[in-house]
Amino acid sequence: QLQLVESGGGLVQPGGSLRLSCAASGFTLDYYAIGWFRQAPGKERDRVSCISSSGGTINVADSVKGRFTISRDNAQNTVYLQMNSLKPEDTAVYSCAAAYGSGWCKLKEYDYWGQGTQVTVSS
């Protein structure tokens, strides 16, 4: 069964850091673009960042540019989101998703989704 499982969320103070992981099972990530998305209460779900299947192209939302970094380790079948300098407005449920094939990850439709992990930034 194709599954994505997020981990690494939690409660952190403003200015702190978290590293989210997206682990795949039932398939290998080598041929999939991966996106990180977040949704806060009362707000639309937004794409935070994505990375192509090859890792050659990356997209980062303006709201997190310079603070968040996406990376992938195909040997571990895992994609990461390093979040630094966290702000209260970063509070949301963070989900990862996979889209098959090569190409620009920003343009893809994501078919496989994880359940999400809660990130809360508060003092």
C-alpha atoms as a PDB file:
ATOM      1  CA  GLN A   1       0.000   0.000   0.000  1.00  0.00           C
ATOM      2  CA  LEU A   2       1.311   3.436  -0.915  1.00  0.00           C
ATOM      3  CA  GLN A   3       1.794   5.516   2.206  1.00  0.00           C
ATOM      4  CA  LEU A   4       3.448   8.738   3.279  1.00  0.00           C
ATOM      5  CA  VAL A   5       4.012   9.385   6.973  1.00  0.00           C
ATOM      6  CA  GLU A   6       5.059  12.754   8.382  1.00  0.00           C
ATOM      7  CA  SER A   7       6.902  13.179  11.647  1.00  0.00           C
ATOM      8  CA  GLY A   8       8.849  15.812  13.541  1.00  0.00           C
ATOM      9  CA  GLY A   9       6.119  18.270  14.415  1.00  0.00           C
ATOM     10  CA  GLY A  10       5.565  19.702  17.851  1.00  0.00           C
ATOM     11  CA  LEU A  11       5.541  22.831  19.972  1.00  0.00           C
ATOM     12  CA  VAL A  12       8.396  25.269  19.519  1.00  0.00           C
ATOM     13  CA  GLN A  13       9.090  28.847  20.604  1.00  0.00           C
ATOM     14  CA  PRO A  14       9.347  31.672  18.078  1.00  0.00           C
ATOM     15  CA  GLY A  15      12.792  31.686  16.524  1.00  0.00           C
ATOM     16  CA  GLY A  16      13.192  27.968  17.064  1.00  0.00           C
ATOM     17  CA  SER A  17      13.686  25.177  14.559  1.00  0.00           C
ATOM     18  CA  LEU A  18      12.054  21.909  13.599  1.00  0.00           C
ATOM     19  CA  ARG A  19      12.889  19.256  11.042  1.00  0.00           C
ATOM     20  CA  LEU A  20       9.960  17.473   9.461  1.00  0.00           C
ATOM     21  CA  SER A  21      10.338  14.093   7.793  1.00  0.00           C
ATOM     22  CA  CYS A  22       8.188  12.479   5.119  1.00  0.00           C
ATOM     23  CA  ALA A  23       8.817   8.751   4.881  1.00  0.00           C
ATOM     24  CA  ALA A  24       7.429   6.654   2.037  1.00  0.00           C
ATOM     25  CA  SER A  25       6.401   3.018   2.173  1.00  0.00           C
ATOM     26  CA  GLY A  26       4.983   0.775  -0.518  1.00  0.00           C
ATOM     27  CA  PHE A  27       6.831   2.695  -3.224  1.00  0.00           C
ATOM     28  CA  THR A  28      10.152   4.386  -3.801  1.00  0.00           C
ATOM     29  CA  LEU A  29      10.435   8.154  -3.977  1.00  0.00           C
ATOM     30  CA  ASP A  30      12.981   8.094  -6.803  1.00  0.00           C
ATOM     31  CA  TYR A  31      10.324   8.729  -9.458  1.00  0.00           C
ATOM     32  CA  TYR A  32       8.146  11.168  -7.511  1.00  0.00           C
ATOM     33  CA  ALA A  33       8.143  14.873  -6.913  1.00  0.00           C
ATOM     34  CA  ILE A  34       7.371  15.712  -3.291  1.00  0.00           C
ATOM     35  CA  GLY A  35       5.594  18.760  -1.951  1.00  0.00           C
ATOM     36  CA  TRP A  36       5.166  20.094   1.558  1.00  0.00           C
ATOM     37  CA  PHE A  37       1.862  21.814   2.276  1.00  0.00           C
ATOM     38  CA  ARG A  38       0.387  23.478   5.320  1.00  0.00           C
ATOM     39  CA  GLN A  39      -3.058  24.497   6.461  1.00  0.00           C
ATOM     40  CA  ALA A  40      -3.861  26.705   9.422  1.00  0.00           C
ATOM     41  CA  PRO A  41      -7.341  26.913  10.980  1.00  0.00           C
ATOM     42  CA  GLY A  42      -9.637  29.042   8.853  1.00  0.00           C
ATOM     43  CA  LYS A  43      -7.128  29.317   6.022  1.00  0.00           C
ATOM     44  CA  GLU A  44      -6.586  27.628   2.674  1.00  0.00           C
ATOM     45  CA  ARG A  45      -4.007  24.920   2.220  1.00  0.00           C
ATOM     46  CA  ASP A  46      -0.837  26.325   0.696  1.00  0.00           C
ATOM     47  CA  ARG A  47       2.213  24.745  -0.846  1.00  0.00           C
ATOM     48  CA  VAL A  48       5.234  25.566   1.263  1.00  0.00           C
ATOM     49  CA  SER A  49       7.891  23.943  -0.877  1.00  0.00           C
ATOM     50  CA  CYS A  50       8.416  21.166  -3.384  1.00  0.00           C
ATOM     51  CA  ILE A  51      11.255  19.242  -4.952  1.00  0.00           C
ATOM     52  CA  SER A  52      11.391  17.422  -8.281  1.00  0.00           C
ATOM     53  CA  SER A  53      11.915  13.682  -8.560  1.00  0.00           C
ATOM     54  CA  SER A  54      15.512  14.247  -9.596  1.00  0.00           C
ATOM     55  CA  GLY A  55      16.081  16.855  -6.908  1.00  0.00           C
ATOM     56  CA  GLY A  56      17.230  19.255  -9.602  1.00  0.00           C
ATOM     57  CA  THR A  57      14.474  21.831  -9.178  1.00  0.00           C
ATOM     58  CA  ILE A  58      13.067  23.289  -5.980  1.00  0.00           C
ATOM     59  CA  ASN A  59      10.284  25.729  -5.270  1.00  0.00           C
ATOM     60  CA  VAL A  60       9.890  27.643  -2.009  1.00  0.00           C
ATOM     61  CA  ALA A  61       6.979  29.886  -1.093  1.00  0.00           C
ATOM     62  CA  ASP A  62       7.800  33.537  -0.517  1.00  0.00           C
ATOM     63  CA  SER A  63       6.414  33.357   3.008  1.00  0.00           C
ATOM     64  CA  VAL A  64       9.101  30.888   4.082  1.00  0.00           C
ATOM     65  CA  LYS A  65      11.931  31.698   1.687  1.00  0.00           C
ATOM     66  CA  GLY A  66      15.239  31.951   3.489  1.00  0.00           C
ATOM     67  CA  ARG A  67      13.901  30.062   6.500  1.00  0.00           C
ATOM     68  CA  PHE A  68      12.729  26.673   5.195  1.00  0.00           C
ATOM     69  CA  THR A  69      14.784  24.184   3.199  1.00  0.00           C
ATOM     70  CA  ILE A  70      13.508  21.082   1.426  1.00  0.00           C
ATOM     71  CA  SER A  71      15.743  18.119   0.675  1.00  0.00           C
ATOM     72  CA  ARG A  72      15.445  14.471  -0.251  1.00  0.00           C
ATOM     73  CA  ASP A  73      17.374  11.328   0.532  1.00  0.00           C
ATOM     74  CA  ASN A  74      16.268   8.658  -1.907  1.00  0.00           C
ATOM     75  CA  ALA A  75      18.461   6.057  -0.233  1.00  0.00           C
ATOM     76  CA  GLN A  76      16.373   6.522   2.914  1.00  0.00           C
ATOM     77  CA  ASN A  77      13.143   6.975   0.929  1.00  0.00           C
ATOM     78  CA  THR A  78      12.550  10.189   2.861  1.00  0.00           C
ATOM     79  CA  VAL A  79      12.035  13.890   2.171  1.00  0.00           C
ATOM     80  CA  TYR A  80      12.768  16.542   4.777  1.00  0.00           C
ATOM     81  CA  LEU A  81      11.666  20.067   5.555  1.00  0.00           C
ATOM     82  CA  GLN A  82      14.106  21.988   7.728  1.00  0.00           C
ATOM     83  CA  MET A  83      12.298  24.912   9.346  1.00  0.00           C
ATOM     84  CA  ASN A  84      14.347  27.661  10.972  1.00  0.00           C
ATOM     85  CA  SER A  85      13.460  31.027  12.502  1.00  0.00           C
ATOM     86  CA  LEU A  86       9.915  29.859  13.082  1.00  0.00           C
ATOM     87  CA  LYS A  87       7.166  32.423  13.549  1.00  0.00           C
ATOM     88  CA  PRO A  88       3.718  32.111  15.144  1.00  0.00           C
ATOM     89  CA  GLU A  89       2.167  32.433  11.686  1.00  0.00           C
ATOM     90  CA  ASP A  90       3.918  29.199  10.709  1.00  0.00           C
ATOM     91  CA  THR A  91       1.540  27.328  13.018  1.00  0.00           C
ATOM     92  CA  ALA A  92      -0.351  24.787  10.904  1.00  0.00           C
ATOM     93  CA  VAL A  93      -0.795  21.150  10.043  1.00  0.00           C
ATOM     94  CA  TYR A  94       2.013  20.218   7.674  1.00  0.00           C
ATOM     95  CA  SER A  95       1.475  17.465   5.110  1.00  0.00           C
ATOM     96  CA  CYS A  96       3.652  15.930   2.447  1.00  0.00           C
ATOM     97  CA  ALA A  97       2.407  14.683  -0.897  1.00  0.00           C
ATOM     98  CA  ALA A  98       3.825  12.815  -3.891  1.00  0.00           C
ATOM     99  CA  ALA A  99       3.346  13.259  -7.634  1.00  0.00           C
ATOM    100  CA  TYR A 100       4.648  10.731 -10.142  1.00  0.00           C
ATOM    101  CA  GLY A 101       7.084  11.649 -12.845  1.00  0.00           C
ATOM    102  CA  SER A 102       9.675  14.181 -13.792  1.00  0.00           C
ATOM    103  CA  GLY A 103       9.143  17.867 -14.366  1.00  0.00           C
ATOM    104  CA  TRP A 104       8.673  21.065 -12.436  1.00  0.00           C
ATOM    105  CA  CYS A 105       7.152  20.157  -9.074  1.00  0.00           C
ATOM    106  CA  LYS A 106       5.263  23.457  -8.918  1.00  0.00           C
ATOM    107  CA  LEU A 107       3.063  22.386 -11.850  1.00  0.00           C
ATOM    108  CA  LYS A 108       2.207  18.878 -10.710  1.00  0.00           C
ATOM    109  CA  GLU A 109      -1.001  17.455  -9.292  1.00  0.00           C
ATOM    110  CA  TYR A 110      -0.264  15.551  -6.102  1.00  0.00           C
ATOM    111  CA  ASP A 111      -2.052  12.217  -5.784  1.00  0.00           C
ATOM    112  CA  TYR A 112      -0.670  10.675  -2.597  1.00  0.00           C
ATOM    113  CA  TRP A 113      -0.935  12.427   0.754  1.00  0.00           C
ATOM    114  CA  GLY A 114       0.185  11.846   4.298  1.00  0.00           C
ATOM    115  CA  GLN A 115      -1.971  12.458   7.358  1.00  0.00           C
ATOM    116  CA  GLY A 116      -0.072  15.533   8.485  1.00  0.00           C
ATOM    117  CA  THR A 117       1.841  16.613  11.552  1.00  0.00           C
ATOM    118  CA  GLN A 118       1.005  19.567  13.791  1.00  0.00           C
ATOM    119  CA  VAL A 119       3.488  22.413  14.125  1.00  0.00           C
ATOM    120  CA  THR A 120       2.730  24.995  16.794  1.00  0.00           C
ATOM    121  CA  VAL A 121       4.921  28.070  17.244  1.00  0.00           C
ATOM    122  CA  SER A 122       4.119  29.870  20.476  1.00  0.00           C
ATOM    123  CA  SER A 123       5.820  31.454  23.449  1.00  0.00           C
END
